[in-house]
């Protein structure tokens, strides 16, 4: 069983038990809608949309399209323009950071390592997205769209002939780096945010903005 599938199963279980209710509030989702979205992501993992054939660019419905639509929805529902601007900056910086990491780890992999490079990028993207976004919503969007933006930059390089290859956005479906990065960023924001609230003596009383 893949790491991404395990993460989604754990997230779904938490939602079902009501433990993740505060997390869902930050994404403007009800428990039922969140479970439906996870189910659609799993089903959508079996379907790809071909956008370009030379160079090849495909979009997996479960691993890229649904996370993209969810991120756009959360972005539109943001409380203020300040939060939207902070989120956009976090997305760009997360994508840039992932690109730098990909260069530093260009010789990583080839069957000699204990962990797939994809998960290194996903974990790095999630952590970076949280550090830059800080809020739960901004972290999720930065983790998801930051990785998506990185992949689009790679496609641009392939399109201009700078590199050779193909780009499959969300090609690994529910266990793709885009999904893992977004989920991890959100969970980090929730866990650390909850810890800080408890240390400070309870919620800040700002109406759950973060």
N, C-alpha and C. Protein backbone atom coordinates (compact mmCIF):
# COMPACT_ATOMS: atom_id res chain seq x y z
N UNK A 1 0.86 -1.20 0.00
CA UNK A 1 0.00 0.00 0.00
C UNK A 1 0.89 1.24 0.00
N UNK A 2 0.55 2.20 -0.86
CA UNK A 2 1.39 3.38 -1.01
C UNK A 2 1.19 4.37 0.14
N UNK A 3 2.18 5.25 0.31
CA UNK A 3 2.12 6.25 1.37
C UNK A 3 0.93 7.18 1.16
N UNK A 4 0.70 7.60 -0.10
CA UNK A 4 -0.41 8.51 -0.37
C UNK A 4 -1.76 7.90 -0.02
N UNK A 5 -1.95 6.62 -0.38
CA UNK A 5 -3.20 5.94 -0.07
C UNK A 5 -3.40 5.84 1.43
N UNK A 6 -2.32 5.54 2.16
CA UNK A 6 -2.40 5.45 3.62
C UNK A 6 -2.79 6.80 4.22
N UNK A 7 -2.17 7.88 3.71
CA UNK A 7 -2.49 9.22 4.19
C UNK A 7 -3.97 9.56 3.97
N UNK A 8 -4.48 9.23 2.78
CA UNK A 8 -5.87 9.51 2.48
C UNK A 8 -6.81 8.67 3.34
N UNK A 9 -6.44 7.41 3.61
CA UNK A 9 -7.27 6.55 4.45
C UNK A 9 -7.32 7.09 5.87
N UNK A 10 -6.16 7.52 6.38
CA UNK A 10 -6.11 8.07 7.74
C UNK A 10 -6.93 9.36 7.81
N UNK A 11 -6.77 10.22 6.78
CA UNK A 11 -7.53 11.47 6.76
C UNK A 11 -9.03 11.21 6.70
N UNK A 12 -9.43 10.25 5.85
CA UNK A 12 -10.83 9.90 5.75
C UNK A 12 -11.39 9.36 7.05
N UNK A 13 -10.59 8.56 7.75
CA UNK A 13 -11.02 8.00 9.04
C UNK A 13 -11.20 9.11 10.07
N UNK A 14 -10.25 10.06 10.09
CA UNK A 14 -10.36 11.17 11.03
C UNK A 14 -11.60 12.01 10.76
N UNK A 15 -11.87 12.22 9.46
CA UNK A 15 -13.07 12.99 9.10
C UNK A 15 -14.32 12.26 9.57
N UNK A 16 -14.36 10.95 9.30
CA UNK A 16 -15.53 10.14 9.67
C UNK A 16 -15.77 10.18 11.17
N UNK A 17 -14.73 10.17 11.95
CA UNK A 17 -14.86 10.17 13.41
C UNK A 17 -15.09 11.58 13.97
N UNK A 18 -15.00 12.57 13.13
CA UNK A 18 -15.26 13.93 13.59
C UNK A 18 -14.06 14.61 14.20
N UNK A 19 -12.91 13.92 14.23
CA UNK A 19 -11.72 14.50 14.85
C UNK A 19 -11.19 15.67 14.03
N UNK A 20 -11.39 15.60 12.70
CA UNK A 20 -10.82 16.62 11.82
C UNK A 20 -11.81 17.75 11.51
N UNK A 21 -12.82 17.92 12.33
CA UNK A 21 -13.84 18.91 12.05
C UNK A 21 -13.27 20.32 11.95
N UNK A 22 -12.32 20.66 12.85
CA UNK A 22 -11.71 21.99 12.81
C UNK A 22 -10.93 22.20 11.52
N UNK A 23 -10.27 21.14 11.04
CA UNK A 23 -9.52 21.24 9.79
C UNK A 23 -10.46 21.57 8.64
N UNK A 24 -11.58 20.85 8.59
CA UNK A 24 -12.53 21.04 7.50
C UNK A 24 -13.14 22.43 7.53
N UNK A 25 -13.33 22.98 8.72
CA UNK A 25 -13.86 24.34 8.83
C UNK A 25 -12.95 25.31 8.09
N UNK A 26 -11.65 25.08 8.16
CA UNK A 26 -10.69 25.98 7.52
C UNK A 26 -10.77 25.90 6.01
N UNK A 27 -11.29 24.79 5.49
CA UNK A 27 -11.43 24.62 4.04
C UNK A 27 -12.86 24.80 3.59
N UNK A 28 -13.73 25.25 4.48
CA UNK A 28 -15.13 25.51 4.17
C UNK A 28 -15.85 24.25 3.68
N UNK A 29 -15.47 23.10 4.23
CA UNK A 29 -16.08 21.84 3.83
C UNK A 29 -16.80 21.20 5.00
N UNK A 30 -17.88 20.48 4.71
CA UNK A 30 -18.52 19.66 5.73
C UNK A 30 -17.86 18.29 5.71
N UNK A 31 -18.11 17.50 6.73
CA UNK A 31 -17.54 16.16 6.79
C UNK A 31 -17.95 15.33 5.58
N UNK A 32 -19.23 15.41 5.22
CA UNK A 32 -19.74 14.62 4.09
C UNK A 32 -19.08 15.02 2.78
N UNK A 33 -18.98 16.31 2.54
CA UNK A 33 -18.36 16.80 1.31
C UNK A 33 -16.89 16.37 1.24
N UNK A 34 -16.19 16.43 2.36
CA UNK A 34 -14.77 16.04 2.38
C UNK A 34 -14.62 14.56 2.02
N UNK A 35 -15.48 13.72 2.55
CA UNK A 35 -15.42 12.29 2.25
C UNK A 35 -15.72 12.06 0.77
N UNK A 36 -16.69 12.79 0.23
CA UNK A 36 -17.02 12.66 -1.19
C UNK A 36 -15.83 13.06 -2.06
N UNK A 37 -15.14 14.14 -1.67
CA UNK A 37 -13.99 14.61 -2.44
C UNK A 37 -12.88 13.56 -2.44
N UNK A 38 -12.63 12.95 -1.28
CA UNK A 38 -11.61 11.91 -1.20
C UNK A 38 -11.99 10.73 -2.08
N UNK A 39 -13.28 10.35 -2.08
CA UNK A 39 -13.75 9.25 -2.92
C UNK A 39 -13.56 9.58 -4.40
N UNK A 40 -13.87 10.82 -4.78
CA UNK A 40 -13.71 11.25 -6.17
C UNK A 40 -12.24 11.25 -6.58
N UNK A 41 -11.36 11.62 -5.65
CA UNK A 41 -9.93 11.60 -5.94
C UNK A 41 -9.45 10.18 -6.20
N UNK A 42 -9.95 9.24 -5.41
CA UNK A 42 -9.55 7.84 -5.58
C UNK A 42 -10.05 7.31 -6.92
N UNK A 43 -11.33 7.60 -7.24
CA UNK A 43 -11.90 7.16 -8.52
C UNK A 43 -11.21 7.87 -9.68
N UNK A 44 -10.99 9.18 -9.53
CA UNK A 44 -10.37 9.96 -10.58
C UNK A 44 -8.93 9.58 -10.87
N UNK A 45 -8.30 8.86 -9.95
CA UNK A 45 -6.92 8.43 -10.15
C UNK A 45 -6.76 7.52 -11.35
N UNK A 46 -7.85 6.92 -11.79
CA UNK A 46 -7.80 5.98 -12.91
C UNK A 46 -8.00 6.67 -14.26
N UNK A 47 -8.16 8.01 -14.26
CA UNK A 47 -8.46 8.71 -15.51
C UNK A 47 -7.49 9.87 -15.73
N UNK A 48 -6.97 9.96 -16.96
CA UNK A 48 -6.06 11.04 -17.34
C UNK A 48 -6.62 11.81 -18.52
N UNK A 49 -6.40 13.12 -18.51
CA UNK A 49 -6.78 13.97 -19.63
C UNK A 49 -5.50 14.39 -20.37
N UNK A 50 -5.46 14.18 -21.67
CA UNK A 50 -4.29 14.55 -22.46
C UNK A 50 -4.45 15.99 -22.94
N UNK A 51 -3.55 16.87 -22.51
CA UNK A 51 -3.60 18.28 -22.87
C UNK A 51 -2.72 18.57 -24.08
N UNK A 52 -1.56 17.95 -24.11
CA UNK A 52 -0.61 18.14 -25.21
C UNK A 52 0.08 16.81 -25.49
N UNK A 53 0.40 16.59 -26.78
CA UNK A 53 1.06 15.34 -27.15
C UNK A 53 2.53 15.53 -27.49
N UNK A 54 2.93 16.76 -27.81
CA UNK A 54 4.33 17.00 -28.16
C UNK A 54 4.78 18.37 -27.64
N UNK A 55 5.40 18.41 -26.45
CA UNK A 55 5.67 17.27 -25.57
C UNK A 55 4.40 16.81 -24.84
N UNK A 56 4.45 15.61 -24.30
CA UNK A 56 3.28 15.04 -23.65
C UNK A 56 2.96 15.74 -22.33
N UNK A 57 1.71 16.16 -22.19
CA UNK A 57 1.23 16.74 -20.94
C UNK A 57 -0.14 16.13 -20.63
N UNK A 58 -0.22 15.39 -19.54
CA UNK A 58 -1.49 14.80 -19.13
C UNK A 58 -1.85 15.30 -17.74
N UNK A 59 -3.14 15.32 -17.45
CA UNK A 59 -3.64 15.75 -16.15
C UNK A 59 -4.49 14.63 -15.56
N UNK A 60 -4.07 14.10 -14.43
CA UNK A 60 -4.85 13.07 -13.76
C UNK A 60 -5.99 13.73 -12.98
N UNK A 61 -7.19 13.21 -13.15
CA UNK A 61 -8.35 13.84 -12.52
C UNK A 61 -8.26 13.80 -11.00
N UNK A 62 -7.90 12.65 -10.45
CA UNK A 62 -7.84 12.52 -8.99
C UNK A 62 -6.60 13.12 -8.37
N UNK A 63 -5.49 13.07 -9.10
CA UNK A 63 -4.23 13.53 -8.53
C UNK A 63 -3.89 14.98 -8.79
N UNK A 64 -4.61 15.62 -9.72
CA UNK A 64 -4.28 17.01 -10.05
C UNK A 64 -5.52 17.89 -10.23
N UNK A 65 -6.49 17.44 -11.04
CA UNK A 65 -7.63 18.30 -11.37
C UNK A 65 -8.50 18.60 -10.14
N UNK A 66 -8.87 17.56 -9.39
CA UNK A 66 -9.71 17.78 -8.21
C UNK A 66 -8.98 18.60 -7.14
N UNK A 67 -7.70 18.29 -6.82
CA UNK A 67 -6.97 19.15 -5.87
C UNK A 67 -6.89 20.60 -6.35
N UNK A 68 -6.73 20.80 -7.67
CA UNK A 68 -6.67 22.16 -8.23
C UNK A 68 -8.00 22.88 -8.01
N UNK A 69 -9.11 22.23 -8.33
CA UNK A 69 -10.43 22.84 -8.16
C UNK A 69 -10.71 23.15 -6.69
N UNK A 70 -10.30 22.24 -5.80
CA UNK A 70 -10.50 22.46 -4.37
C UNK A 70 -9.68 23.65 -3.90
N UNK A 71 -8.46 23.76 -4.39
CA UNK A 71 -7.59 24.88 -4.01
C UNK A 71 -8.18 26.20 -4.48
N UNK A 72 -8.72 26.22 -5.70
CA UNK A 72 -9.34 27.44 -6.23
C UNK A 72 -10.54 27.82 -5.38
N UNK A 73 -11.34 26.83 -5.01
CA UNK A 73 -12.52 27.08 -4.18
C UNK A 73 -12.12 27.69 -2.84
N UNK A 74 -11.11 27.10 -2.20
CA UNK A 74 -10.65 27.60 -0.90
C UNK A 74 -10.07 29.00 -1.05
N UNK A 75 -9.35 29.24 -2.14
CA UNK A 75 -8.76 30.56 -2.38
C UNK A 75 -9.85 31.62 -2.53
N UNK A 76 -10.89 31.31 -3.29
CA UNK A 76 -11.98 32.26 -3.50
C UNK A 76 -12.70 32.57 -2.19
N UNK A 77 -12.79 31.57 -1.30
CA UNK A 77 -13.50 31.74 -0.04
C UNK A 77 -12.65 32.38 1.05
N UNK A 78 -11.42 32.78 0.71
CA UNK A 78 -10.53 33.39 1.70
C UNK A 78 -11.19 34.62 2.33
N UNK A 79 -10.84 34.90 3.58
CA UNK A 79 -11.49 35.97 4.34
C UNK A 79 -11.12 37.37 3.87
N UNK A 80 -9.93 37.53 3.30
CA UNK A 80 -9.48 38.87 2.94
C UNK A 80 -8.50 38.83 1.78
N UNK A 81 -8.30 40.00 1.14
CA UNK A 81 -7.33 40.10 0.06
C UNK A 81 -5.91 39.88 0.58
N UNK A 82 -5.68 40.26 1.84
CA UNK A 82 -4.37 40.06 2.44
C UNK A 82 -4.03 38.57 2.48
N UNK A 83 -5.02 37.77 2.85
CA UNK A 83 -4.78 36.33 2.91
C UNK A 83 -4.55 35.77 1.51
N UNK A 84 -5.27 36.29 0.52
CA UNK A 84 -5.09 35.83 -0.86
C UNK A 84 -3.70 36.17 -1.38
N UNK A 85 -3.25 37.39 -1.09
CA UNK A 85 -1.92 37.80 -1.54
C UNK A 85 -0.84 36.94 -0.88
N UNK A 86 -0.98 36.71 0.43
CA UNK A 86 -0.03 35.88 1.15
C UNK A 86 -0.01 34.47 0.57
N UNK A 87 -1.18 33.98 0.19
CA UNK A 87 -1.27 32.63 -0.38
C UNK A 87 -0.58 32.56 -1.73
N UNK A 88 -0.79 33.57 -2.58
CA UNK A 88 -0.15 33.59 -3.89
C UNK A 88 1.37 33.60 -3.76
N UNK A 89 1.87 34.41 -2.84
CA UNK A 89 3.31 34.47 -2.60
C UNK A 89 3.82 33.12 -2.11
N UNK A 90 3.06 32.48 -1.22
CA UNK A 90 3.46 31.18 -0.69
C UNK A 90 3.50 30.12 -1.79
N UNK A 91 2.55 30.18 -2.72
CA UNK A 91 2.52 29.23 -3.84
C UNK A 91 3.77 29.38 -4.70
N UNK A 92 4.10 30.63 -5.05
CA UNK A 92 5.27 30.89 -5.91
C UNK A 92 6.56 30.46 -5.22
N UNK A 93 6.72 30.83 -3.94
CA UNK A 93 7.94 30.49 -3.22
C UNK A 93 8.05 28.99 -2.98
N UNK A 94 6.92 28.33 -2.76
CA UNK A 94 6.95 26.87 -2.59
C UNK A 94 7.40 26.19 -3.86
N UNK A 95 6.86 26.64 -5.00
CA UNK A 95 7.26 26.08 -6.29
C UNK A 95 8.76 26.29 -6.53
N UNK A 96 9.25 27.49 -6.21
CA UNK A 96 10.67 27.79 -6.40
C UNK A 96 11.53 26.92 -5.50
N UNK A 97 11.09 26.74 -4.25
CA UNK A 97 11.86 25.92 -3.31
C UNK A 97 11.91 24.46 -3.77
N UNK A 98 10.79 23.95 -4.28
CA UNK A 98 10.76 22.57 -4.77
C UNK A 98 11.70 22.42 -5.97
N UNK A 99 11.73 23.43 -6.82
CA UNK A 99 12.62 23.38 -7.99
C UNK A 99 14.08 23.34 -7.55
N UNK A 100 14.43 24.15 -6.56
CA UNK A 100 15.80 24.14 -6.04
C UNK A 100 16.14 22.78 -5.45
N UNK A 101 15.21 22.21 -4.71
CA UNK A 101 15.43 20.89 -4.12
C UNK A 101 15.62 19.84 -5.21
N UNK A 102 14.85 19.95 -6.29
CA UNK A 102 14.97 18.99 -7.38
C UNK A 102 16.35 19.05 -8.03
N UNK A 103 16.93 20.25 -8.06
CA UNK A 103 18.28 20.40 -8.61
C UNK A 103 19.31 19.80 -7.65
N UNK A 104 19.15 20.08 -6.37
CA UNK A 104 20.08 19.56 -5.38
C UNK A 104 20.04 18.04 -5.31
N UNK A 105 18.87 17.46 -5.59
CA UNK A 105 18.71 16.01 -5.50
C UNK A 105 18.62 15.36 -6.88
N UNK A 106 19.25 15.98 -7.88
CA UNK A 106 19.14 15.47 -9.25
C UNK A 106 19.77 14.08 -9.40
N UNK A 107 20.72 13.74 -8.53
CA UNK A 107 21.35 12.42 -8.60
C UNK A 107 20.73 11.44 -7.61
N UNK A 108 19.65 11.89 -6.94
CA UNK A 108 18.98 11.04 -5.96
C UNK A 108 18.10 10.05 -6.71
N UNK A 109 18.00 8.83 -6.21
CA UNK A 109 17.13 7.84 -6.82
C UNK A 109 17.91 6.74 -7.49
N UNK A 110 17.46 6.35 -8.68
CA UNK A 110 18.10 5.29 -9.46
C UNK A 110 18.13 3.96 -8.70
N UNK A 111 17.15 3.75 -7.81
CA UNK A 111 17.04 2.47 -7.13
C UNK A 111 17.98 2.25 -5.97
N UNK A 112 18.80 3.24 -5.63
CA UNK A 112 19.78 3.04 -4.57
C UNK A 112 19.33 3.62 -3.25
N UNK A 113 18.23 4.34 -3.24
CA UNK A 113 17.84 5.07 -2.05
C UNK A 113 16.68 4.39 -1.33
N UNK A 114 16.56 4.67 -0.03
CA UNK A 114 15.56 4.02 0.79
C UNK A 114 14.18 4.65 0.63
N UNK A 115 14.10 5.79 -0.04
CA UNK A 115 12.82 6.46 -0.25
C UNK A 115 12.78 7.06 -1.65
N UNK A 116 11.64 6.96 -2.30
CA UNK A 116 11.48 7.49 -3.65
C UNK A 116 11.64 9.01 -3.63
N UNK A 117 12.37 9.57 -4.61
CA UNK A 117 12.54 11.04 -4.66
C UNK A 117 11.21 11.78 -4.66
N UNK A 118 10.15 11.18 -5.23
CA UNK A 118 8.84 11.83 -5.27
C UNK A 118 8.38 12.19 -3.88
N UNK A 119 8.63 11.32 -2.91
CA UNK A 119 8.18 11.58 -1.55
C UNK A 119 9.06 12.62 -0.86
N UNK A 120 10.33 12.68 -1.26
CA UNK A 120 11.21 13.73 -0.74
C UNK A 120 10.66 15.10 -1.16
N UNK A 121 10.29 15.22 -2.43
CA UNK A 121 9.75 16.48 -2.95
C UNK A 121 8.41 16.79 -2.29
N UNK A 122 7.57 15.77 -2.13
CA UNK A 122 6.25 15.98 -1.54
C UNK A 122 6.35 16.44 -0.09
N UNK A 123 7.19 15.76 0.68
CA UNK A 123 7.37 16.13 2.09
C UNK A 123 7.97 17.52 2.20
N UNK A 124 8.98 17.79 1.38
CA UNK A 124 9.60 19.12 1.38
C UNK A 124 8.58 20.18 1.01
N UNK A 125 7.76 19.89 -0.01
CA UNK A 125 6.75 20.85 -0.44
C UNK A 125 5.75 21.14 0.66
N UNK A 126 5.32 20.09 1.38
CA UNK A 126 4.36 20.27 2.47
C UNK A 126 4.92 21.12 3.59
N UNK A 127 6.16 20.83 3.99
CA UNK A 127 6.79 21.58 5.08
C UNK A 127 7.02 23.03 4.68
N UNK A 128 7.54 23.23 3.47
CA UNK A 128 7.81 24.58 2.99
C UNK A 128 6.51 25.38 2.87
N UNK A 129 5.46 24.72 2.36
CA UNK A 129 4.17 25.39 2.20
C UNK A 129 3.63 25.86 3.54
N UNK A 130 3.80 25.02 4.58
CA UNK A 130 3.32 25.44 5.90
C UNK A 130 4.14 26.62 6.42
N UNK A 131 5.46 26.55 6.29
CA UNK A 131 6.32 27.62 6.79
C UNK A 131 6.03 28.95 6.10
N UNK A 132 5.69 28.89 4.82
CA UNK A 132 5.41 30.11 4.06
C UNK A 132 3.97 30.57 4.20
N UNK A 133 3.05 29.61 4.20
CA UNK A 133 1.64 29.97 4.26
C UNK A 133 1.17 30.27 5.66
N UNK A 134 1.65 29.48 6.62
CA UNK A 134 1.35 29.62 8.04
C UNK A 134 -0.11 29.31 8.38
N UNK A 135 -1.08 29.85 7.67
CA UNK A 135 -2.47 29.53 7.97
C UNK A 135 -2.80 28.17 7.38
N UNK A 136 -3.87 27.57 7.85
CA UNK A 136 -4.25 26.24 7.37
C UNK A 136 -4.63 26.29 5.90
N UNK A 137 -5.42 27.28 5.53
CA UNK A 137 -5.88 27.37 4.14
C UNK A 137 -4.72 27.68 3.21
N UNK A 138 -3.90 28.66 3.57
CA UNK A 138 -2.77 29.04 2.72
C UNK A 138 -1.78 27.89 2.59
N UNK A 139 -1.59 27.13 3.65
CA UNK A 139 -0.67 26.00 3.62
C UNK A 139 -1.14 24.94 2.64
N UNK A 140 -2.44 24.62 2.71
CA UNK A 140 -2.99 23.62 1.80
C UNK A 140 -2.85 24.06 0.34
N UNK A 141 -3.21 25.30 0.06
CA UNK A 141 -3.14 25.80 -1.31
C UNK A 141 -1.70 25.85 -1.80
N UNK A 142 -0.79 26.33 -0.95
CA UNK A 142 0.62 26.42 -1.34
C UNK A 142 1.21 25.03 -1.58
N UNK A 143 0.84 24.08 -0.73
CA UNK A 143 1.35 22.72 -0.90
C UNK A 143 0.86 22.09 -2.19
N UNK A 144 -0.40 22.36 -2.53
CA UNK A 144 -1.00 21.77 -3.73
C UNK A 144 -0.58 22.51 -5.00
N UNK A 145 -0.85 23.82 -5.04
CA UNK A 145 -0.56 24.58 -6.24
C UNK A 145 0.93 24.84 -6.43
N UNK A 146 1.69 24.87 -5.33
CA UNK A 146 3.13 25.04 -5.45
C UNK A 146 3.75 23.89 -6.23
N UNK A 147 3.30 22.69 -5.92
CA UNK A 147 3.82 21.52 -6.64
C UNK A 147 3.31 21.49 -8.07
N UNK A 148 2.06 21.91 -8.25
CA UNK A 148 1.50 21.96 -9.60
C UNK A 148 2.24 22.98 -10.45
N UNK A 149 2.55 24.13 -9.87
CA UNK A 149 3.28 25.18 -10.59
C UNK A 149 4.68 24.70 -10.97
N UNK A 150 5.30 23.96 -10.07
CA UNK A 150 6.63 23.40 -10.36
C UNK A 150 6.57 22.47 -11.57
N UNK A 151 5.54 21.63 -11.62
CA UNK A 151 5.38 20.71 -12.74
C UNK A 151 5.12 21.45 -14.05
N UNK A 152 4.35 22.54 -13.98
CA UNK A 152 4.08 23.32 -15.18
C UNK A 152 5.34 24.00 -15.69
N UNK A 153 6.22 24.39 -14.76
CA UNK A 153 7.49 24.98 -15.17
C UNK A 153 8.35 23.94 -15.91
N UNK A 154 8.33 22.72 -15.42
CA UNK A 154 9.06 21.64 -16.08
C UNK A 154 8.50 21.41 -17.48
N UNK A 155 7.16 21.49 -17.60
CA UNK A 155 6.53 21.33 -18.92
C UNK A 155 6.95 22.47 -19.85
N UNK A 156 7.03 23.68 -19.31
CA UNK A 156 7.47 24.84 -20.11
C UNK A 156 8.88 24.61 -20.65
N UNK A 157 9.75 24.08 -19.81
CA UNK A 157 11.11 23.78 -20.26
C UNK A 157 11.11 22.73 -21.35
N UNK A 158 10.23 21.74 -21.23
CA UNK A 158 10.13 20.71 -22.26
C UNK A 158 9.54 21.29 -23.54
N UNK A 159 8.60 22.20 -23.39
CA UNK A 159 7.95 22.83 -24.54
C UNK A 159 8.92 23.68 -25.34
N UNK A 160 9.83 24.36 -24.64
CA UNK A 160 10.81 25.23 -25.31
C UNK A 160 12.03 24.45 -25.78
N UNK A 161 12.08 23.16 -25.49
CA UNK A 161 13.20 22.34 -25.93
C UNK A 161 14.39 22.39 -25.00
N UNK A 162 14.23 23.04 -23.84
CA UNK A 162 15.33 23.14 -22.89
C UNK A 162 15.67 21.77 -22.31
N UNK A 163 14.65 20.95 -22.11
CA UNK A 163 14.84 19.59 -21.63
C UNK A 163 13.94 18.66 -22.45
N UNK A 164 14.22 17.38 -22.39
CA UNK A 164 13.38 16.39 -23.06
C UNK A 164 12.64 15.57 -22.00
N UNK A 165 11.42 15.22 -22.32
CA UNK A 165 10.66 14.41 -21.38
C UNK A 165 9.18 14.68 -21.50
N UNK A 166 8.43 14.07 -20.61
CA UNK A 166 6.98 14.25 -20.58
C UNK A 166 6.55 14.61 -19.17
N UNK A 167 5.42 15.29 -19.07
CA UNK A 167 4.91 15.73 -17.78
C UNK A 167 3.52 15.16 -17.57
N UNK A 168 3.36 14.44 -16.48
CA UNK A 168 2.06 13.87 -16.13
C UNK A 168 1.62 14.48 -14.80
N UNK A 169 0.80 15.51 -14.86
CA UNK A 169 0.34 16.19 -13.65
C UNK A 169 -0.55 15.26 -12.83
N UNK A 170 -0.13 15.00 -11.60
CA UNK A 170 -0.90 14.11 -10.74
C UNK A 170 -0.94 12.69 -11.26
N UNK A 171 0.04 12.33 -12.06
CA UNK A 171 0.04 11.03 -12.72
C UNK A 171 -0.02 9.84 -11.78
N UNK A 172 0.41 10.03 -10.55
CA UNK A 172 0.38 8.93 -9.58
C UNK A 172 -0.94 8.89 -8.82
N UNK A 173 -1.90 9.71 -9.26
CA UNK A 173 -3.23 9.68 -8.66
C UNK A 173 -3.25 10.15 -7.22
N UNK A 174 -3.95 9.41 -6.37
CA UNK A 174 -4.12 9.83 -4.97
C UNK A 174 -2.81 9.83 -4.21
N UNK A 175 -1.79 9.14 -4.70
CA UNK A 175 -0.52 9.15 -4.00
C UNK A 175 0.53 9.98 -4.74
N UNK A 176 0.05 10.89 -5.58
CA UNK A 176 0.97 11.78 -6.27
C UNK A 176 1.50 12.84 -5.30
N UNK A 177 2.63 13.42 -5.65
CA UNK A 177 3.26 14.44 -4.80
C UNK A 177 2.36 15.64 -4.58
N UNK A 178 1.53 15.99 -5.58
CA UNK A 178 0.63 17.13 -5.43
C UNK A 178 -0.32 16.90 -4.27
N UNK A 179 -0.89 15.69 -4.20
CA UNK A 179 -1.85 15.36 -3.14
C UNK A 179 -1.15 15.29 -1.78
N UNK A 180 -0.03 14.57 -1.74
CA UNK A 180 0.69 14.39 -0.48
C UNK A 180 1.16 15.73 0.07
N UNK A 181 1.68 16.59 -0.80
CA UNK A 181 2.19 17.90 -0.37
C UNK A 181 1.07 18.74 0.23
N UNK A 182 -0.09 18.78 -0.42
CA UNK A 182 -1.21 19.57 0.09
C UNK A 182 -1.73 19.05 1.41
N UNK A 183 -1.90 17.73 1.51
CA UNK A 183 -2.41 17.12 2.74
C UNK A 183 -1.44 17.34 3.89
N UNK A 184 -0.15 17.11 3.62
CA UNK A 184 0.86 17.26 4.67
C UNK A 184 0.92 18.70 5.16
N UNK A 185 0.88 19.66 4.24
CA UNK A 185 0.92 21.07 4.63
C UNK A 185 -0.27 21.42 5.51
N UNK A 186 -1.45 20.92 5.15
CA UNK A 186 -2.65 21.19 5.93
C UNK A 186 -2.58 20.56 7.31
N UNK A 187 -2.11 19.32 7.38
CA UNK A 187 -2.01 18.63 8.67
C UNK A 187 -0.99 19.31 9.57
N UNK A 188 0.13 19.74 8.99
CA UNK A 188 1.14 20.46 9.78
C UNK A 188 0.56 21.75 10.34
N UNK A 189 -0.17 22.48 9.49
CA UNK A 189 -0.77 23.73 9.93
C UNK A 189 -1.79 23.49 11.04
N UNK A 190 -2.57 22.43 10.91
CA UNK A 190 -3.58 22.14 11.92
C UNK A 190 -2.94 21.69 13.23
N UNK A 191 -1.98 20.75 13.15
CA UNK A 191 -1.35 20.22 14.36
C UNK A 191 -0.56 21.30 15.09
N UNK A 192 0.24 22.06 14.34
CA UNK A 192 1.04 23.10 14.98
C UNK A 192 0.17 24.26 15.43
N UNK A 193 -0.86 24.57 14.62
CA UNK A 193 -1.77 25.65 15.00
C UNK A 193 -2.52 25.29 16.27
N UNK A 194 -2.96 24.03 16.37
CA UNK A 194 -3.67 23.57 17.56
C UNK A 194 -2.76 23.62 18.77
N UNK A 195 -1.49 23.21 18.59
CA UNK A 195 -0.54 23.22 19.70
C UNK A 195 -0.29 24.64 20.19
N UNK A 196 -0.13 25.58 19.25
CA UNK A 196 0.12 26.97 19.63
C UNK A 196 -1.09 27.56 20.36
N UNK A 197 -2.31 27.19 19.90
CA UNK A 197 -3.50 27.68 20.56
C UNK A 197 -3.57 27.18 22.01
N UNK A 198 -3.23 25.92 22.19
CA UNK A 198 -3.27 25.35 23.54
C UNK A 198 -2.22 25.99 24.44
N UNK A 199 -1.04 26.24 23.87
CA UNK A 199 0.03 26.87 24.65
C UNK A 199 -0.33 28.29 25.05
N UNK A 200 -1.12 28.95 24.18
CA UNK A 200 -1.50 30.33 24.47
C UNK A 200 -2.76 30.43 25.31
N UNK A 201 -3.29 29.29 25.68
CA UNK A 201 -4.46 29.28 26.57
C UNK A 201 -5.79 29.18 25.87
N UNK A 202 -5.80 28.79 24.56
CA UNK A 202 -7.07 28.61 23.85
C UNK A 202 -7.08 29.38 22.56
N UNK A 203 -8.17 29.27 21.80
CA UNK A 203 -8.29 29.97 20.52
C UNK A 203 -8.13 31.46 20.69
N UNK A 204 -7.64 32.09 19.64
CA UNK A 204 -7.34 33.51 19.72
C UNK A 204 -8.56 34.39 19.66
N UNK A 205 -9.70 33.77 19.26
CA UNK A 205 -10.93 34.56 19.19
C UNK A 205 -11.05 35.38 17.93
N UNK A 206 -10.29 35.02 16.90
CA UNK A 206 -10.33 35.76 15.65
C UNK A 206 -11.29 35.12 14.65
N UNK A 207 -12.14 34.23 15.16
CA UNK A 207 -13.13 33.66 14.27
C UNK A 207 -12.59 32.60 13.36
N UNK A 208 -11.46 32.00 13.73
CA UNK A 208 -10.95 30.89 12.92
C UNK A 208 -10.33 31.31 11.62
N UNK A 209 -9.82 32.52 11.52
CA UNK A 209 -9.27 32.99 10.26
C UNK A 209 -8.11 32.15 9.82
N UNK A 210 -7.29 31.71 10.74
CA UNK A 210 -6.09 30.96 10.34
C UNK A 210 -6.34 29.48 10.25
